[in-house]
């Protein structure tokens, strides 16, 4: 049977090992991100090179420039990957509890997920908590967006922790941002000290300011 030229895939679209070029490129990009997490997470961004990332990814350097122009661009992709993983784990942990649960009972699993995320793979903590503010404006902006995402989640719980009258004259967004900043700082210090403190103790430490808010609200209500 005759086969017309129109039935023949273009050379750049032909499958190799059953995989289309676009899929091969996607897989190479994913390998580079994995290599970046290894190199950035162990040496730090400023001590890393393109060659080291490619060695970790088991790819030649020409494939780096197929997907990324610069190391900061790759760092942003690695940070974004970790950000998505953490948010998915956080939401999954919170959704497992009944909506009627005590607000603190909902906050504790989210905090534990974050702490486990960096403890089980300290490379993640170095990328997200240490280097993310010193790579580029784009990465700093992404880091700020991550904090705002968690601040938005927290604002909902703060409205449940505190009665409306207690929120009068208070900037709820600033309060949420400040509490998230406190949680991040505690986690970063825990990481820097080698995760020596038991995680249950760190979770309770993180929750103490929220318990204080609830206590103050109760005292005001009883007056």
C-alpha atoms as a PDB file:
ATOM      1  CA  UNK A   1       0.000   0.000   0.000  1.00  0.00           C
ATOM      2  CA  UNK A   2       1.331   3.429  -0.917  1.00  0.00           C
ATOM      3  CA  UNK A   3       1.981   5.852   1.914  1.00  0.00           C
ATOM      4  CA  UNK A   4       1.828   9.544   1.087  1.00  0.00           C
ATOM      5  CA  UNK A   5       4.422  11.944   2.426  1.00  0.00           C
ATOM      6  CA  UNK A   6       1.679  13.641   4.410  1.00  0.00           C
ATOM      7  CA  UNK A   7       1.273  10.452   6.462  1.00  0.00           C
ATOM      8  CA  UNK A   8       4.926  10.498   7.553  1.00  0.00           C
ATOM      9  CA  UNK A   9       5.640  12.360  10.827  1.00  0.00           C
ATOM     10  CA  UNK A  10       8.052  15.310  10.441  1.00  0.00           C
ATOM     11  CA  UNK A  11      11.590  14.449  11.490  1.00  0.00           C
ATOM     12  CA  UNK A  12      11.365  16.644  14.579  1.00  0.00           C
ATOM     13  CA  UNK A  13       8.096  14.974  15.581  1.00  0.00           C
ATOM     14  CA  UNK A  14       9.176  11.365  15.205  1.00  0.00           C
ATOM     15  CA  UNK A  15       9.070   9.205  18.288  1.00  0.00           C
ATOM     16  CA  UNK A  16      12.284   7.974  19.861  1.00  0.00           C
ATOM     17  CA  UNK A  17      11.718   4.898  21.975  1.00  0.00           C
ATOM     18  CA  UNK A  18       8.002   5.567  21.712  1.00  0.00           C
ATOM     19  CA  UNK A  19       8.318   9.081  23.201  1.00  0.00           C
ATOM     20  CA  UNK A  20       7.612  12.296  21.320  1.00  0.00           C
ATOM     21  CA  UNK A  21      10.237  15.094  21.347  1.00  0.00           C
ATOM     22  CA  UNK A  22       8.050  17.366  23.483  1.00  0.00           C
ATOM     23  CA  UNK A  23       7.730  14.684  26.138  1.00  0.00           C
ATOM     24  CA  UNK A  24      11.478  13.986  26.075  1.00  0.00           C
ATOM     25  CA  UNK A  25      12.142  17.687  26.603  1.00  0.00           C
ATOM     26  CA  UNK A  26       9.643  17.772  29.483  1.00  0.00           C
ATOM     27  CA  UNK A  27      11.395  14.811  31.094  1.00  0.00           C
ATOM     28  CA  UNK A  28      14.805  16.456  30.675  1.00  0.00           C
ATOM     29  CA  UNK A  29      13.460  19.636  32.259  1.00  0.00           C
ATOM     30  CA  UNK A  30      12.147  17.635  35.212  1.00  0.00           C
ATOM     31  CA  UNK A  31      15.574  15.985  35.601  1.00  0.00           C
ATOM     32  CA  UNK A  32      17.225  19.394  35.638  1.00  0.00           C
ATOM     33  CA  UNK A  33      14.869  20.547  38.385  1.00  0.00           C
ATOM     34  CA  UNK A  34      15.703  17.413  40.378  1.00  0.00           C
ATOM     35  CA  UNK A  35      19.399  18.089  39.832  1.00  0.00           C
ATOM     36  CA  UNK A  36      18.899  21.697  40.889  1.00  0.00           C
ATOM     37  CA  UNK A  37      17.239  20.664  44.152  1.00  0.00           C
ATOM     38  CA  UNK A  38      20.214  18.415  44.862  1.00  0.00           C
ATOM     39  CA  UNK A  39      22.881  21.004  44.051  1.00  0.00           C
ATOM     40  CA  UNK A  40      21.164  24.150  45.359  1.00  0.00           C
ATOM     41  CA  UNK A  41      19.939  22.285  48.408  1.00  0.00           C
ATOM     42  CA  UNK A  42      23.390  21.009  49.381  1.00  0.00           C
ATOM     43  CA  UNK A  43      25.853  23.648  48.135  1.00  0.00           C
ATOM     44  CA  UNK A  44      23.583  26.658  48.023  1.00  0.00           C
ATOM     45  CA  UNK A  45      22.732  28.695  44.951  1.00  0.00           C
ATOM     46  CA  UNK A  46      25.808  30.908  44.999  1.00  0.00           C
ATOM     47  CA  UNK A  47      28.170  27.945  45.111  1.00  0.00           C
ATOM     48  CA  UNK A  48      26.514  26.088  42.220  1.00  0.00           C
ATOM     49  CA  UNK A  49      27.382  25.907  38.529  1.00  0.00           C
ATOM     50  CA  UNK A  50      25.511  24.816  35.426  1.00  0.00           C
ATOM     51  CA  UNK A  51      27.909  21.916  35.022  1.00  0.00           C
ATOM     52  CA  UNK A  52      27.239  20.614  38.543  1.00  0.00           C
ATOM     53  CA  UNK A  53      23.487  20.730  37.993  1.00  0.00           C
ATOM     54  CA  UNK A  54      23.835  18.859  34.708  1.00  0.00           C
ATOM     55  CA  UNK A  55      26.022  16.197  36.325  1.00  0.00           C
ATOM     56  CA  UNK A  56      23.404  15.728  39.055  1.00  0.00           C
ATOM     57  CA  UNK A  57      20.700  15.502  36.379  1.00  0.00           C
ATOM     58  CA  UNK A  58      22.764  13.074  34.250  1.00  0.00           C
ATOM     59  CA  UNK A  59      22.465  15.392  31.245  1.00  0.00           C
ATOM     60  CA  UNK A  60      24.925  17.280  29.080  1.00  0.00           C
ATOM     61  CA  UNK A  61      25.097  21.058  29.370  1.00  0.00           C
ATOM     62  CA  UNK A  62      23.454  21.631  26.006  1.00  0.00           C
ATOM     63  CA  UNK A  63      20.207  20.314  27.468  1.00  0.00           C
ATOM     64  CA  UNK A  64      20.346  22.909  30.230  1.00  0.00           C
ATOM     65  CA  UNK A  65      19.995  25.714  27.694  1.00  0.00           C
ATOM     66  CA  UNK A  66      17.186  23.848  25.980  1.00  0.00           C
ATOM     67  CA  UNK A  67      14.960  24.635  28.987  1.00  0.00           C
ATOM     68  CA  UNK A  68      16.618  27.447  30.933  1.00  0.00           C
ATOM     69  CA  UNK A  69      18.588  30.568  30.121  1.00  0.00           C
ATOM     70  CA  UNK A  70      20.223  31.086  33.503  1.00  0.00           C
ATOM     71  CA  UNK A  71      20.749  29.447  36.878  1.00  0.00           C
ATOM     72  CA  UNK A  72      18.355  31.915  38.578  1.00  0.00           C
ATOM     73  CA  UNK A  73      15.653  30.823  36.131  1.00  0.00           C
ATOM     74  CA  UNK A  74      16.288  27.199  37.095  1.00  0.00           C
ATOM     75  CA  UNK A  75      16.263  28.104  40.794  1.00  0.00           C
ATOM     76  CA  UNK A  76      12.853  29.718  40.303  1.00  0.00           C
ATOM     77  CA  UNK A  77      11.572  26.516  38.673  1.00  0.00           C
ATOM     78  CA  UNK A  78      12.950  24.397  41.527  1.00  0.00           C
ATOM     79  CA  UNK A  79      11.413  26.713  44.118  1.00  0.00           C
ATOM     80  CA  UNK A  80       8.069  26.624  42.302  1.00  0.00           C
ATOM     81  CA  UNK A  81       8.126  22.816  42.275  1.00  0.00           C
ATOM     82  CA  UNK A  82       8.739  22.665  46.029  1.00  0.00           C
ATOM     83  CA  UNK A  83       6.098  25.332  46.633  1.00  0.00           C
ATOM     84  CA  UNK A  84       3.473  23.293  44.783  1.00  0.00           C
ATOM     85  CA  UNK A  85       4.423  20.115  46.647  1.00  0.00           C
ATOM     86  CA  UNK A  86       4.165  21.818  50.040  1.00  0.00           C
ATOM     87  CA  UNK A  87       0.850  23.521  49.323  1.00  0.00           C
ATOM     88  CA  UNK A  88      -0.674  20.242  48.091  1.00  0.00           C
ATOM     89  CA  UNK A  89       0.459  18.444  51.258  1.00  0.00           C
ATOM     90  CA  UNK A  90      -0.819  21.280  53.464  1.00  0.00           C
ATOM     91  CA  UNK A  91      -4.275  21.360  51.900  1.00  0.00           C
ATOM     92  CA  UNK A  92      -4.535  17.569  52.012  1.00  0.00           C
ATOM     93  CA  UNK A  93      -3.695  17.547  55.730  1.00  0.00           C
ATOM     94  CA  UNK A  94      -6.262  20.228  56.525  1.00  0.00           C
ATOM     95  CA  UNK A  95      -8.995  18.604  54.458  1.00  0.00           C
ATOM     96  CA  UNK A  96      -8.738  15.388  56.464  1.00  0.00           C
ATOM     97  CA  UNK A  97     -10.194  17.128  59.528  1.00  0.00           C
ATOM     98  CA  UNK A  98     -13.884  18.005  59.986  1.00  0.00           C
ATOM     99  CA  UNK A  99     -14.783  21.612  59.182  1.00  0.00           C
ATOM    100  CA  UNK A 100     -16.225  21.895  62.692  1.00  0.00           C
ATOM    101  CA  UNK A 101     -12.857  21.191  64.283  1.00  0.00           C
ATOM    102  CA  UNK A 102     -11.305  23.635  66.706  1.00  0.00           C
ATOM    103  CA  UNK A 103      -9.262  26.238  64.745  1.00  0.00           C
ATOM    104  CA  UNK A 104      -6.095  25.169  66.550  1.00  0.00           C
ATOM    105  CA  UNK A 105      -6.783  21.555  65.589  1.00  0.00           C
ATOM    106  CA  UNK A 106      -6.740  22.672  61.947  1.00  0.00           C
ATOM    107  CA  UNK A 107      -3.585  24.756  62.287  1.00  0.00           C
ATOM    108  CA  UNK A 108      -1.511  22.042  63.955  1.00  0.00           C
ATOM    109  CA  UNK A 109      -1.510  19.608  60.988  1.00  0.00           C
ATOM    110  CA  UNK A 110      -0.577  22.402  58.568  1.00  0.00           C
ATOM    111  CA  UNK A 111       2.358  23.396  60.741  1.00  0.00           C
ATOM    112  CA  UNK A 112       3.453  19.800  61.139  1.00  0.00           C
ATOM    113  CA  UNK A 113       3.365  19.241  57.368  1.00  0.00           C
ATOM    114  CA  UNK A 114       5.669  22.221  56.836  1.00  0.00           C
ATOM    115  CA  UNK A 115       8.095  21.081  59.533  1.00  0.00           C
ATOM    116  CA  UNK A 116       8.158  17.487  58.274  1.00  0.00           C
ATOM    117  CA  UNK A 117       8.654  18.782  54.720  1.00  0.00           C
ATOM    118  CA  UNK A 118      11.938  20.499  55.604  1.00  0.00           C
ATOM    119  CA  UNK A 119      13.091  17.977  58.205  1.00  0.00           C
ATOM    120  CA  UNK A 120      12.723  14.960  55.924  1.00  0.00           C
ATOM    121  CA  UNK A 121      14.652  16.711  53.152  1.00  0.00           C
ATOM    122  CA  UNK A 122      16.758  19.652  54.434  1.00  0.00           C
ATOM    123  CA  UNK A 123      17.547  20.581  50.825  1.00  0.00           C
ATOM    124  CA  UNK A 124      14.006  21.917  50.604  1.00  0.00           C
ATOM    125  CA  UNK A 125      14.540  24.106  53.640  1.00  0.00           C
ATOM    126  CA  UNK A 126      17.754  25.582  52.305  1.00  0.00           C
ATOM    127  CA  UNK A 127      16.120  26.457  48.989  1.00  0.00           C
ATOM    128  CA  UNK A 128      12.864  27.811  50.417  1.00  0.00           C
ATOM    129  CA  UNK A 129      14.019  29.432  53.668  1.00  0.00           C
ATOM    130  CA  UNK A 130      17.647  30.449  53.092  1.00  0.00           C
ATOM    131  CA  UNK A 131      18.530  31.126  49.463  1.00  0.00           C
ATOM    132  CA  UNK A 132      15.151  32.216  48.123  1.00  0.00           C
ATOM    133  CA  UNK A 133      15.609  35.850  49.175  1.00  0.00           C
ATOM    134  CA  UNK A 134      19.085  36.258  47.697  1.00  0.00           C
ATOM    135  CA  UNK A 135      18.862  34.880  44.152  1.00  0.00           C
ATOM    136  CA  UNK A 136      16.850  37.343  42.070  1.00  0.00           C
ATOM    137  CA  UNK A 137      13.912  39.717  42.246  1.00  0.00           C
ATOM    138  CA  UNK A 138      11.745  37.094  40.550  1.00  0.00           C
ATOM    139  CA  UNK A 139      12.556  34.467  43.191  1.00  0.00           C
ATOM    140  CA  UNK A 140      12.042  36.971  46.004  1.00  0.00           C
ATOM    141  CA  UNK A 141       8.657  37.818  44.504  1.00  0.00           C
ATOM    142  CA  UNK A 142       7.743  34.120  44.367  1.00  0.00           C
ATOM    143  CA  UNK A 143       8.806  33.716  47.989  1.00  0.00           C
ATOM    144  CA  UNK A 144       6.598  36.654  48.906  1.00  0.00           C
ATOM    145  CA  UNK A 145       3.695  35.130  46.983  1.00  0.00           C
ATOM    146  CA  UNK A 146       4.135  31.879  48.921  1.00  0.00           C
ATOM    147  CA  UNK A 147       3.985  33.751  52.222  1.00  0.00           C
ATOM    148  CA  UNK A 148       0.853  35.569  51.067  1.00  0.00           C
ATOM    149  CA  UNK A 149      -0.814  32.285  50.095  1.00  0.00           C
ATOM    150  CA  UNK A 150      -0.288  30.905  53.588  1.00  0.00           C
ATOM    151  CA  UNK A 151      -1.248  34.227  55.123  1.00  0.00           C
ATOM    152  CA  UNK A 152      -4.558  34.054  53.235  1.00  0.00           C
ATOM    153  CA  UNK A 153      -5.199  30.578  54.664  1.00  0.00           C
ATOM    154  CA  UNK A 154      -4.353  31.802  58.134  1.00  0.00           C
ATOM    155  CA  UNK A 155      -6.636  34.847  57.971  1.00  0.00           C
ATOM    156  CA  UNK A 156      -9.645  32.549  57.737  1.00  0.00           C
ATOM    157  CA  UNK A 157      -8.581  30.730  60.907  1.00  0.00           C
ATOM    158  CA  UNK A 158      -7.830  33.952  62.768  1.00  0.00           C
ATOM    159  CA  UNK A 159     -11.423  35.052  62.237  1.00  0.00           C
ATOM    160  CA  UNK A 160     -12.461  31.824  63.973  1.00  0.00           C
ATOM    161  CA  UNK A 161      -9.936  32.250  66.771  1.00  0.00           C
ATOM    162  CA  UNK A 162     -11.011  35.813  67.543  1.00  0.00           C
ATOM    163  CA  UNK A 163     -14.542  37.228  67.797  1.00  0.00           C
ATOM    164  CA  UNK A 164     -15.379  40.143  65.458  1.00  0.00           C
ATOM    165  CA  UNK A 165     -15.169  42.725  68.230  1.00  0.00           C
ATOM    166  CA  UNK A 166     -11.592  41.686  68.947  1.00  0.00           C
ATOM    167  CA  UNK A 167     -10.643  42.381  65.338  1.00  0.00           C
ATOM    168  CA  UNK A 168     -11.861  45.972  65.432  1.00  0.00           C
ATOM    169  CA  UNK A 169      -8.961  48.378  65.099  1.00  0.00           C
ATOM    170  CA  UNK A 170      -6.625  45.556  64.051  1.00  0.00           C
ATOM    171  CA  UNK A 171      -5.166  44.918  60.598  1.00  0.00           C
ATOM    172  CA  UNK A 172      -5.989  41.259  60.030  1.00  0.00           C
ATOM    173  CA  UNK A 173      -3.714  40.976  56.952  1.00  0.00           C
ATOM    174  CA  UNK A 174      -0.762  42.373  58.919  1.00  0.00           C
ATOM    175  CA  UNK A 175      -1.498  40.071  61.842  1.00  0.00           C
ATOM    176  CA  UNK A 176      -1.634  37.037  59.547  1.00  0.00           C
ATOM    177  CA  UNK A 177       1.589  38.082  57.792  1.00  0.00           C
ATOM    178  CA  UNK A 178       3.317  38.530  61.133  1.00  0.00           C
ATOM    179  CA  UNK A 179       2.218  35.161  62.453  1.00  0.00           C
ATOM    180  CA  UNK A 180       3.364  33.416  59.267  1.00  0.00           C
ATOM    181  CA  UNK A 181       6.695  35.230  59.560  1.00  0.00           C
ATOM    182  CA  UNK A 182       7.042  33.970  63.128  1.00  0.00           C
ATOM    183  CA  UNK A 183       6.292  30.385  62.069  1.00  0.00           C
ATOM    184  CA  UNK A 184       8.823  30.562  59.230  1.00  0.00           C
ATOM    185  CA  UNK A 185      11.512  32.035  61.495  1.00  0.00           C
ATOM    186  CA  UNK A 186      10.980  29.309  64.085  1.00  0.00           C
ATOM    187  CA  UNK A 187      11.219  26.642  61.383  1.00  0.00           C
ATOM    188  CA  UNK A 188      14.388  28.185  59.930  1.00  0.00           C
ATOM    189  CA  UNK A 189      16.037  28.339  63.363  1.00  0.00           C
ATOM    190  CA  UNK A 190      15.021  24.723  64.040  1.00  0.00           C
ATOM    191  CA  UNK A 191      16.630  23.705  60.752  1.00  0.00           C
ATOM    192  CA  UNK A 192      19.826  25.675  61.444  1.00  0.00           C
ATOM    193  CA  UNK A 193      20.168  23.889  64.775  1.00  0.00           C
ATOM    194  CA  UNK A 194      20.003  20.521  63.051  1.00  0.00           C
ATOM    195  CA  UNK A 195      16.386  19.627  63.926  1.00  0.00           C
ATOM    196  CA  UNK A 196      17.501  18.733  67.446  1.00  0.00           C
ATOM    197  CA  UNK A 197      14.239  19.690  69.168  1.00  0.00           C
ATOM    198  CA  UNK A 198      11.497  17.028  68.865  1.00  0.00           C
ATOM    199  CA  UNK A 199       8.961  17.963  66.222  1.00  0.00           C
ATOM    200  CA  UNK A 200       6.050  17.757  68.692  1.00  0.00           C
ATOM    201  CA  UNK A 201       7.757  20.387  70.824  1.00  0.00           C
ATOM    202  CA  UNK A 202       8.287  22.622  67.792  1.00  0.00           C
ATOM    203  CA  UNK A 203       4.628  22.309  66.777  1.00  0.00           C
ATOM    204  CA  UNK A 204       3.511  23.254  70.288  1.00  0.00           C
ATOM    205  CA  UNK A 205       5.909  26.204  70.260  1.00  0.00           C
ATOM    206  CA  UNK A 206       4.455  27.383  66.964  1.00  0.00           C
ATOM    207  CA  UNK A 207       0.932  27.093  68.342  1.00  0.00           C
ATOM    208  CA  UNK A 208       1.591  29.008  71.559  1.00  0.00           C
ATOM    209  CA  UNK A 209       0.970  32.507  70.082  1.00  0.00           C
ATOM    210  CA  UNK A 210      -2.351  31.325  68.654  1.00  0.00           C
ATOM    211  CA  UNK A 211      -3.335  29.858  72.011  1.00  0.00           C
ATOM    212  CA  UNK A 212      -2.461  33.212  73.547  1.00  0.00           C
ATOM    213  CA  UNK A 213      -4.807  34.966  71.148  1.00  0.00           C
ATOM    214  CA  UNK A 214      -7.612  32.586  72.070  1.00  0.00           C
ATOM    215  CA  UNK A 215      -6.946  33.092  75.773  1.00  0.00           C
ATOM    216  CA  UNK A 216      -7.038  36.873  75.449  1.00  0.00           C
ATOM    217  CA  UNK A 217     -10.254  36.674  73.468  1.00  0.00           C
ATOM    218  CA  UNK A 218     -11.815  34.475  76.175  1.00  0.00           C
ATOM    219  CA  UNK A 219     -10.711  36.889  78.930  1.00  0.00           C
ATOM    220  CA  UNK A 220     -12.263  39.818  77.083  1.00  0.00           C
ATOM    221  CA  UNK A 221     -15.465  37.874  76.589  1.00  0.00           C
ATOM    222  CA  UNK A 222     -15.676  37.010  80.306  1.00  0.00           C
ATOM    223  CA  UNK A 223     -15.183  40.619  81.431  1.00  0.00           C
END
